[in-house]
């Protein structure tokens, strides 16, 4: 359990340094390792249905839209769906395109009794490069972590 403990400790220090109200902030590679090493951990992908279908899906992720597609309005059922699909005692890793929506989801979950919430920094597609393109700088896909189309 040494590696898992070390990853969690690093991510907790990172969250504290960033002043985040939830447990930790992870790189995509760290998140992948946690999913590999902690069988009870859950990844919650909060991107839109369109993103899952057209950009790519992560095997085994719980998919709950933060913003509904189309229209991008906040999903009023997000918390209810999260409570239904994920045990509040679980270690929960939140993922979106770039780390912003998942930050909101981790905050909301923490405020509502999920004590072990982590945001995946960089998200699925990562930050934009100088030309405004994603998938080239960092993020889950850029790191070569498991995903599939549609």
N, C-alpha and C. Protein backbone atom coordinates (compact mmCIF):
# COMPACT_ATOMS: atom_id res chain seq x y z
N UNK A 1 0.82 -1.21 0.00
CA UNK A 1 0.00 0.00 0.00
C UNK A 1 0.86 1.26 0.00
N UNK A 2 2.18 1.11 -0.04
CA UNK A 2 3.08 2.25 0.04
C UNK A 2 2.87 3.28 -1.06
N UNK A 3 2.77 2.79 -2.31
CA UNK A 3 2.63 3.71 -3.45
C UNK A 3 1.29 4.45 -3.39
N UNK A 4 0.23 3.75 -3.05
CA UNK A 4 -1.09 4.38 -2.94
C UNK A 4 -1.06 5.47 -1.88
N UNK A 5 -0.51 5.15 -0.71
CA UNK A 5 -0.42 6.12 0.38
C UNK A 5 0.37 7.35 -0.05
N UNK A 6 1.46 7.13 -0.77
CA UNK A 6 2.31 8.25 -1.22
C UNK A 6 1.57 9.14 -2.22
N UNK A 7 0.86 8.54 -3.18
CA UNK A 7 0.09 9.32 -4.16
C UNK A 7 -0.98 10.15 -3.46
N UNK A 8 -1.70 9.52 -2.53
CA UNK A 8 -2.76 10.24 -1.81
C UNK A 8 -2.17 11.39 -0.99
N UNK A 9 -1.03 11.15 -0.35
CA UNK A 9 -0.39 12.18 0.46
C UNK A 9 0.02 13.38 -0.41
N UNK A 10 0.63 13.09 -1.55
CA UNK A 10 1.04 14.16 -2.48
C UNK A 10 -0.16 14.97 -2.96
N UNK A 11 -1.24 14.26 -3.32
CA UNK A 11 -2.42 14.96 -3.84
C UNK A 11 -3.10 15.79 -2.75
N UNK A 12 -3.02 15.32 -1.51
CA UNK A 12 -3.59 16.07 -0.39
C UNK A 12 -2.78 17.34 -0.12
N UNK A 13 -1.46 17.23 -0.22
CA UNK A 13 -0.60 18.42 -0.06
C UNK A 13 -0.87 19.43 -1.17
N UNK A 14 -1.05 18.94 -2.39
CA UNK A 14 -1.34 19.79 -3.54
C UNK A 14 -2.65 20.55 -3.32
N UNK A 15 -3.68 19.83 -2.85
CA UNK A 15 -4.99 20.45 -2.61
C UNK A 15 -4.88 21.53 -1.52
N UNK A 16 -4.13 21.22 -0.48
CA UNK A 16 -3.95 22.17 0.62
C UNK A 16 -3.25 23.43 0.10
N UNK A 17 -2.20 23.25 -0.71
CA UNK A 17 -1.45 24.38 -1.26
C UNK A 17 -2.33 25.24 -2.17
N UNK A 18 -3.29 24.60 -2.86
CA UNK A 18 -4.20 25.32 -3.76
C UNK A 18 -5.43 25.87 -3.03
N UNK A 19 -5.53 25.56 -1.73
CA UNK A 19 -6.67 26.03 -0.93
C UNK A 19 -7.98 25.37 -1.31
N UNK A 20 -7.93 24.12 -1.73
CA UNK A 20 -9.14 23.41 -2.16
C UNK A 20 -9.86 22.80 -0.97
N UNK A 21 -11.19 22.79 -0.99
CA UNK A 21 -11.96 22.31 0.16
C UNK A 21 -12.16 20.80 0.18
N UNK A 22 -11.69 20.10 -0.83
CA UNK A 22 -11.84 18.64 -0.87
C UNK A 22 -10.50 17.97 -0.62
N UNK A 23 -10.50 16.66 -0.59
CA UNK A 23 -9.37 15.88 -0.09
C UNK A 23 -8.08 16.04 -0.90
N UNK A 24 -8.17 16.00 -2.24
CA UNK A 24 -6.92 16.04 -2.99
C UNK A 24 -7.09 16.39 -4.46
N UNK A 25 -5.95 16.70 -5.10
CA UNK A 25 -5.89 17.03 -6.53
C UNK A 25 -4.84 16.13 -7.16
N UNK A 26 -5.25 15.40 -8.19
CA UNK A 26 -4.42 14.36 -8.80
C UNK A 26 -4.05 14.67 -10.25
N UNK A 27 -2.90 14.19 -10.68
CA UNK A 27 -2.60 14.19 -12.11
C UNK A 27 -3.33 12.98 -12.70
N UNK A 28 -3.55 12.95 -14.00
CA UNK A 28 -4.19 11.78 -14.60
C UNK A 28 -3.45 10.47 -14.29
N UNK A 29 -2.13 10.49 -14.36
CA UNK A 29 -1.35 9.28 -14.08
C UNK A 29 -1.55 8.81 -12.64
N UNK A 30 -1.58 9.76 -11.70
CA UNK A 30 -1.84 9.40 -10.29
C UNK A 30 -3.23 8.80 -10.13
N UNK A 31 -4.22 9.39 -10.82
CA UNK A 31 -5.59 8.88 -10.75
C UNK A 31 -5.65 7.45 -11.27
N UNK A 32 -4.97 7.19 -12.37
CA UNK A 32 -4.93 5.85 -12.95
C UNK A 32 -4.34 4.86 -11.95
N UNK A 33 -3.25 5.26 -11.29
CA UNK A 33 -2.61 4.38 -10.30
C UNK A 33 -3.55 4.10 -9.13
N UNK A 34 -4.27 5.12 -8.66
CA UNK A 34 -5.23 4.91 -7.57
C UNK A 34 -6.30 3.91 -7.98
N UNK A 35 -6.83 4.05 -9.19
CA UNK A 35 -7.85 3.12 -9.67
C UNK A 35 -7.29 1.69 -9.74
N UNK A 36 -6.02 1.58 -10.07
CA UNK A 36 -5.36 0.28 -10.15
C UNK A 36 -5.11 -0.32 -8.76
N UNK A 37 -4.74 0.53 -7.80
CA UNK A 37 -4.30 0.06 -6.48
C UNK A 37 -5.40 0.01 -5.42
N UNK A 38 -6.46 0.78 -5.59
CA UNK A 38 -7.54 0.84 -4.59
C UNK A 38 -8.83 0.33 -5.23
N UNK A 39 -9.16 -0.94 -5.03
CA UNK A 39 -10.31 -1.55 -5.70
C UNK A 39 -11.64 -0.84 -5.45
N UNK A 40 -11.81 -0.17 -4.32
CA UNK A 40 -13.07 0.50 -4.02
C UNK A 40 -13.19 1.90 -4.61
N UNK A 41 -12.10 2.41 -5.20
CA UNK A 41 -12.12 3.78 -5.74
C UNK A 41 -13.02 3.85 -6.97
N UNK A 42 -13.69 4.98 -7.13
CA UNK A 42 -14.59 5.19 -8.28
C UNK A 42 -14.18 6.46 -9.02
N UNK A 43 -14.15 6.37 -10.35
CA UNK A 43 -13.97 7.57 -11.15
C UNK A 43 -15.34 8.01 -11.62
N UNK A 44 -15.66 9.28 -11.41
CA UNK A 44 -16.92 9.85 -11.89
C UNK A 44 -16.57 10.84 -12.99
N UNK A 45 -16.96 10.52 -14.21
CA UNK A 45 -16.73 11.37 -15.37
C UNK A 45 -17.93 12.30 -15.51
N UNK A 46 -17.71 13.61 -15.30
CA UNK A 46 -18.81 14.57 -15.27
C UNK A 46 -18.96 15.35 -16.58
N UNK A 47 -18.29 14.87 -17.64
CA UNK A 47 -18.45 15.54 -18.94
C UNK A 47 -19.86 15.29 -19.49
N UNK A 48 -20.17 15.91 -20.62
CA UNK A 48 -21.50 15.77 -21.21
C UNK A 48 -21.61 14.49 -22.04
N UNK A 49 -22.84 14.09 -22.27
CA UNK A 49 -23.13 12.93 -23.11
C UNK A 49 -22.45 13.06 -24.48
N UNK A 50 -22.47 14.28 -25.03
CA UNK A 50 -21.83 14.51 -26.33
C UNK A 50 -20.33 14.24 -26.25
N UNK A 51 -19.70 14.67 -25.17
CA UNK A 51 -18.26 14.44 -25.01
C UNK A 51 -17.95 12.94 -24.89
N UNK A 52 -18.77 12.20 -24.12
CA UNK A 52 -18.55 10.76 -24.00
C UNK A 52 -18.66 10.10 -25.38
N UNK A 53 -19.70 10.48 -26.12
CA UNK A 53 -19.96 9.85 -27.42
C UNK A 53 -18.94 10.24 -28.48
N UNK A 54 -18.57 11.52 -28.53
CA UNK A 54 -17.76 12.02 -29.65
C UNK A 54 -16.28 12.18 -29.34
N UNK A 55 -15.93 12.36 -28.06
CA UNK A 55 -14.53 12.58 -27.72
C UNK A 55 -13.90 11.30 -27.18
N UNK A 56 -14.63 10.58 -26.34
CA UNK A 56 -14.12 9.32 -25.82
C UNK A 56 -14.59 9.03 -24.41
N UNK A 57 -14.58 7.76 -24.07
CA UNK A 57 -15.03 7.29 -22.75
C UNK A 57 -13.87 6.62 -22.03
N UNK A 58 -13.97 6.61 -20.69
CA UNK A 58 -12.98 5.94 -19.86
C UNK A 58 -13.61 4.65 -19.33
N UNK A 59 -12.99 3.51 -19.61
CA UNK A 59 -13.55 2.23 -19.16
C UNK A 59 -13.76 2.22 -17.65
N UNK A 60 -14.95 1.80 -17.22
CA UNK A 60 -15.24 1.64 -15.81
C UNK A 60 -15.69 2.91 -15.09
N UNK A 61 -15.66 4.05 -15.78
CA UNK A 61 -16.06 5.30 -15.13
C UNK A 61 -17.57 5.36 -14.95
N UNK A 62 -18.00 5.97 -13.84
CA UNK A 62 -19.41 6.28 -13.61
C UNK A 62 -19.66 7.59 -14.34
N UNK A 63 -20.62 7.62 -15.25
CA UNK A 63 -20.87 8.82 -16.06
C UNK A 63 -22.10 9.57 -15.55
N UNK A 64 -21.87 10.79 -15.04
CA UNK A 64 -22.95 11.65 -14.56
C UNK A 64 -22.66 13.06 -15.07
N UNK A 65 -23.52 13.56 -15.94
CA UNK A 65 -23.30 14.90 -16.49
C UNK A 65 -23.37 15.98 -15.40
N UNK A 66 -22.39 16.89 -15.38
CA UNK A 66 -22.42 18.06 -14.50
C UNK A 66 -23.31 19.12 -15.14
N UNK A 67 -23.09 19.34 -16.44
CA UNK A 67 -23.95 20.22 -17.24
C UNK A 67 -24.66 19.34 -18.25
N UNK A 68 -25.93 19.57 -18.43
CA UNK A 68 -26.68 18.74 -19.36
C UNK A 68 -26.43 19.15 -20.81
N UNK A 69 -26.48 18.16 -21.69
CA UNK A 69 -26.35 18.41 -23.13
C UNK A 69 -27.70 18.10 -23.78
N UNK A 70 -28.21 18.92 -24.70
CA UNK A 70 -27.64 20.21 -25.10
C UNK A 70 -28.02 21.33 -24.13
N UNK A 71 -27.42 22.47 -24.31
CA UNK A 71 -27.80 23.65 -23.54
C UNK A 71 -26.84 24.01 -22.42
N UNK A 72 -26.06 23.04 -21.94
CA UNK A 72 -25.08 23.27 -20.88
C UNK A 72 -25.65 23.80 -19.57
N UNK A 73 -26.93 23.54 -19.30
CA UNK A 73 -27.48 23.93 -18.01
C UNK A 73 -27.01 22.93 -16.96
N UNK A 74 -26.81 23.39 -15.73
CA UNK A 74 -26.41 22.50 -14.65
C UNK A 74 -27.43 21.37 -14.52
N UNK A 75 -26.95 20.17 -14.34
CA UNK A 75 -27.79 18.99 -14.16
C UNK A 75 -28.39 19.04 -12.74
N UNK A 76 -29.69 19.27 -12.60
CA UNK A 76 -30.30 19.37 -11.27
C UNK A 76 -30.29 18.05 -10.52
N UNK A 77 -30.07 16.95 -11.22
CA UNK A 77 -30.08 15.61 -10.60
C UNK A 77 -28.68 15.09 -10.30
N UNK A 78 -27.65 15.95 -10.47
CA UNK A 78 -26.28 15.46 -10.31
C UNK A 78 -26.06 14.78 -8.96
N UNK A 79 -26.41 15.47 -7.88
CA UNK A 79 -26.16 14.95 -6.55
C UNK A 79 -26.96 13.67 -6.29
N UNK A 80 -28.22 13.65 -6.70
CA UNK A 80 -29.07 12.46 -6.52
C UNK A 80 -28.47 11.27 -7.28
N UNK A 81 -27.99 11.52 -8.50
CA UNK A 81 -27.39 10.44 -9.30
C UNK A 81 -26.10 9.96 -8.66
N UNK A 82 -25.31 10.90 -8.15
CA UNK A 82 -24.05 10.53 -7.49
C UNK A 82 -24.33 9.66 -6.27
N UNK A 83 -25.29 10.07 -5.45
CA UNK A 83 -25.63 9.30 -4.25
C UNK A 83 -26.16 7.91 -4.60
N UNK A 84 -26.85 7.81 -5.73
CA UNK A 84 -27.42 6.52 -6.15
C UNK A 84 -26.34 5.58 -6.68
N UNK A 85 -25.33 6.15 -7.36
CA UNK A 85 -24.36 5.31 -8.05
C UNK A 85 -23.03 5.12 -7.32
N UNK A 86 -22.75 5.98 -6.33
CA UNK A 86 -21.45 5.92 -5.65
C UNK A 86 -21.67 5.97 -4.14
N UNK A 87 -21.09 5.02 -3.43
CA UNK A 87 -21.17 5.00 -1.97
C UNK A 87 -20.43 6.21 -1.41
N UNK A 88 -21.02 6.89 -0.44
CA UNK A 88 -20.39 8.11 0.08
C UNK A 88 -19.12 7.82 0.87
N UNK A 89 -18.85 6.55 1.17
CA UNK A 89 -17.59 6.18 1.83
C UNK A 89 -16.47 5.92 0.83
N UNK A 90 -16.81 5.86 -0.46
CA UNK A 90 -15.80 5.54 -1.48
C UNK A 90 -14.80 6.68 -1.67
N UNK A 91 -13.63 6.30 -2.14
CA UNK A 91 -12.65 7.26 -2.61
C UNK A 91 -13.15 7.63 -4.02
N UNK A 92 -13.48 8.91 -4.25
CA UNK A 92 -14.11 9.31 -5.51
C UNK A 92 -13.20 10.27 -6.27
N UNK A 93 -12.92 9.92 -7.52
CA UNK A 93 -12.07 10.74 -8.39
C UNK A 93 -12.97 11.38 -9.45
N UNK A 94 -12.97 12.70 -9.52
CA UNK A 94 -13.83 13.40 -10.48
C UNK A 94 -13.01 13.84 -11.69
N UNK A 95 -13.59 13.61 -12.89
CA UNK A 95 -12.92 13.91 -14.16
C UNK A 95 -13.84 14.70 -15.07
N UNK A 96 -13.30 15.70 -15.77
CA UNK A 96 -14.04 16.37 -16.85
C UNK A 96 -13.05 16.62 -18.00
N UNK A 97 -13.32 17.60 -18.84
CA UNK A 97 -12.43 17.85 -19.97
C UNK A 97 -11.08 18.41 -19.52
N UNK A 98 -11.12 19.40 -18.61
CA UNK A 98 -9.89 20.09 -18.25
C UNK A 98 -9.68 20.30 -16.75
N UNK A 99 -10.62 19.85 -15.93
CA UNK A 99 -10.46 19.96 -14.48
C UNK A 99 -11.34 20.99 -13.81
N UNK A 100 -12.13 21.76 -14.57
CA UNK A 100 -12.96 22.83 -13.98
C UNK A 100 -14.32 22.30 -13.49
N UNK A 101 -15.06 21.61 -14.35
CA UNK A 101 -16.36 21.06 -13.92
C UNK A 101 -16.16 20.03 -12.82
N UNK A 102 -15.09 19.24 -12.93
CA UNK A 102 -14.83 18.22 -11.91
C UNK A 102 -14.48 18.86 -10.57
N UNK A 103 -13.87 20.05 -10.59
CA UNK A 103 -13.62 20.80 -9.35
C UNK A 103 -14.95 21.14 -8.69
N UNK A 104 -15.92 21.62 -9.47
CA UNK A 104 -17.25 21.94 -8.94
C UNK A 104 -17.93 20.71 -8.38
N UNK A 105 -17.80 19.58 -9.08
CA UNK A 105 -18.41 18.34 -8.63
C UNK A 105 -17.78 17.86 -7.32
N UNK A 106 -16.46 17.95 -7.21
CA UNK A 106 -15.76 17.53 -5.99
C UNK A 106 -16.17 18.41 -4.81
N UNK A 107 -16.33 19.71 -5.07
CA UNK A 107 -16.77 20.63 -4.01
C UNK A 107 -18.18 20.27 -3.54
N UNK A 108 -19.11 20.08 -4.49
CA UNK A 108 -20.49 19.77 -4.15
C UNK A 108 -20.59 18.44 -3.39
N UNK A 109 -19.86 17.44 -3.86
CA UNK A 109 -19.89 16.13 -3.21
C UNK A 109 -19.35 16.23 -1.78
N UNK A 110 -18.27 16.98 -1.60
CA UNK A 110 -17.67 17.16 -0.27
C UNK A 110 -18.65 17.84 0.67
N UNK A 111 -19.34 18.86 0.17
CA UNK A 111 -20.34 19.58 0.98
C UNK A 111 -21.51 18.69 1.37
N UNK A 112 -21.70 17.58 0.64
CA UNK A 112 -22.85 16.71 0.87
C UNK A 112 -22.48 15.32 1.38
N UNK A 113 -21.41 15.26 2.16
CA UNK A 113 -21.10 14.04 2.89
C UNK A 113 -20.16 13.05 2.24
N UNK A 114 -19.64 13.35 1.06
CA UNK A 114 -18.61 12.49 0.46
C UNK A 114 -17.28 13.02 0.98
N UNK A 115 -16.60 12.23 1.83
CA UNK A 115 -15.42 12.75 2.52
C UNK A 115 -14.10 12.51 1.81
N UNK A 116 -14.10 11.70 0.76
CA UNK A 116 -12.85 11.30 0.12
C UNK A 116 -12.87 11.66 -1.36
N UNK A 117 -13.01 12.97 -1.66
CA UNK A 117 -13.14 13.44 -3.05
C UNK A 117 -11.82 14.01 -3.58
N UNK A 118 -11.52 13.63 -4.80
CA UNK A 118 -10.30 14.09 -5.47
C UNK A 118 -10.67 14.61 -6.86
N UNK A 119 -10.05 15.71 -7.25
CA UNK A 119 -10.23 16.24 -8.60
C UNK A 119 -9.05 15.79 -9.45
N UNK A 120 -9.33 15.41 -10.70
CA UNK A 120 -8.25 15.05 -11.62
C UNK A 120 -7.90 16.30 -12.42
N UNK A 121 -6.74 16.87 -12.10
CA UNK A 121 -6.24 18.05 -12.78
C UNK A 121 -5.97 17.70 -14.24
N UNK A 122 -6.07 18.66 -15.11
CA UNK A 122 -5.83 18.49 -16.56
C UNK A 122 -7.01 17.83 -17.26
N UNK A 123 -7.77 16.96 -16.56
CA UNK A 123 -8.93 16.32 -17.15
C UNK A 123 -8.61 15.35 -18.27
N UNK A 124 -9.62 15.07 -19.08
CA UNK A 124 -9.50 14.09 -20.16
C UNK A 124 -8.69 14.63 -21.33
N UNK A 125 -8.96 15.88 -21.72
CA UNK A 125 -8.31 16.45 -22.90
C UNK A 125 -7.13 17.37 -22.57
N UNK A 126 -7.03 17.81 -21.31
CA UNK A 126 -5.90 18.63 -20.92
C UNK A 126 -6.05 20.10 -21.28
N UNK A 127 -4.97 20.83 -21.03
CA UNK A 127 -4.93 22.27 -21.29
C UNK A 127 -4.77 22.53 -22.78
N UNK A 128 -5.12 23.75 -23.20
CA UNK A 128 -4.95 24.14 -24.60
C UNK A 128 -3.48 24.46 -24.88
N UNK A 129 -3.05 24.14 -26.10
CA UNK A 129 -1.70 24.53 -26.52
C UNK A 129 -1.74 25.95 -27.09
N UNK A 130 -0.64 26.42 -27.64
CA UNK A 130 -0.55 27.80 -28.16
C UNK A 130 -1.56 28.06 -29.27
N UNK A 131 -1.99 27.00 -29.97
CA UNK A 131 -2.97 27.14 -31.05
C UNK A 131 -4.40 26.91 -30.59
N UNK A 132 -4.60 26.76 -29.28
CA UNK A 132 -5.95 26.56 -28.76
C UNK A 132 -6.45 25.13 -28.86
N UNK A 133 -5.55 24.20 -29.18
CA UNK A 133 -5.93 22.79 -29.32
C UNK A 133 -5.67 22.04 -28.02
N UNK A 134 -6.56 21.08 -27.71
CA UNK A 134 -6.34 20.22 -26.54
C UNK A 134 -5.76 18.88 -27.01
N UNK A 135 -5.48 17.99 -26.07
CA UNK A 135 -4.95 16.64 -26.31
C UNK A 135 -3.47 16.61 -26.65
N UNK A 136 -2.79 17.75 -26.65
CA UNK A 136 -1.37 17.76 -27.03
C UNK A 136 -0.45 18.14 -25.88
N UNK A 137 -1.00 18.78 -24.84
CA UNK A 137 -0.17 19.31 -23.76
C UNK A 137 -0.10 18.34 -22.58
N UNK A 138 -1.27 17.95 -22.09
CA UNK A 138 -1.36 17.06 -20.93
C UNK A 138 -2.76 16.46 -20.92
N UNK A 139 -3.16 15.88 -19.81
CA UNK A 139 -4.49 15.27 -19.72
C UNK A 139 -4.44 13.76 -19.86
N UNK A 140 -5.58 13.12 -19.58
CA UNK A 140 -5.72 11.66 -19.58
C UNK A 140 -5.32 11.05 -20.92
N UNK A 141 -5.89 11.57 -22.01
CA UNK A 141 -5.61 11.00 -23.34
C UNK A 141 -4.16 11.19 -23.73
N UNK A 142 -3.64 12.38 -23.51
CA UNK A 142 -2.25 12.69 -23.86
C UNK A 142 -1.28 11.77 -23.12
N UNK A 143 -1.63 11.40 -21.89
CA UNK A 143 -0.78 10.52 -21.07
C UNK A 143 -0.85 9.06 -21.52
N UNK A 144 -1.71 8.77 -22.50
CA UNK A 144 -1.82 7.41 -23.01
C UNK A 144 -2.55 6.45 -22.07
N UNK A 145 -3.41 7.00 -21.22
CA UNK A 145 -4.16 6.17 -20.28
C UNK A 145 -5.40 5.59 -20.99
N UNK A 146 -6.00 4.52 -20.45
CA UNK A 146 -7.07 3.81 -21.17
C UNK A 146 -8.31 4.68 -21.45
N UNK A 147 -8.76 4.62 -22.70
CA UNK A 147 -9.99 5.26 -23.13
C UNK A 147 -10.41 4.61 -24.44
N UNK A 148 -11.66 4.80 -24.82
CA UNK A 148 -12.13 4.27 -26.11
C UNK A 148 -13.11 5.25 -26.71
N UNK A 149 -13.28 5.16 -28.00
CA UNK A 149 -14.16 6.07 -28.73
C UNK A 149 -15.60 5.60 -28.62
N UNK A 150 -16.52 6.58 -28.36
CA UNK A 150 -17.96 6.32 -28.39
C UNK A 150 -18.52 5.32 -27.46
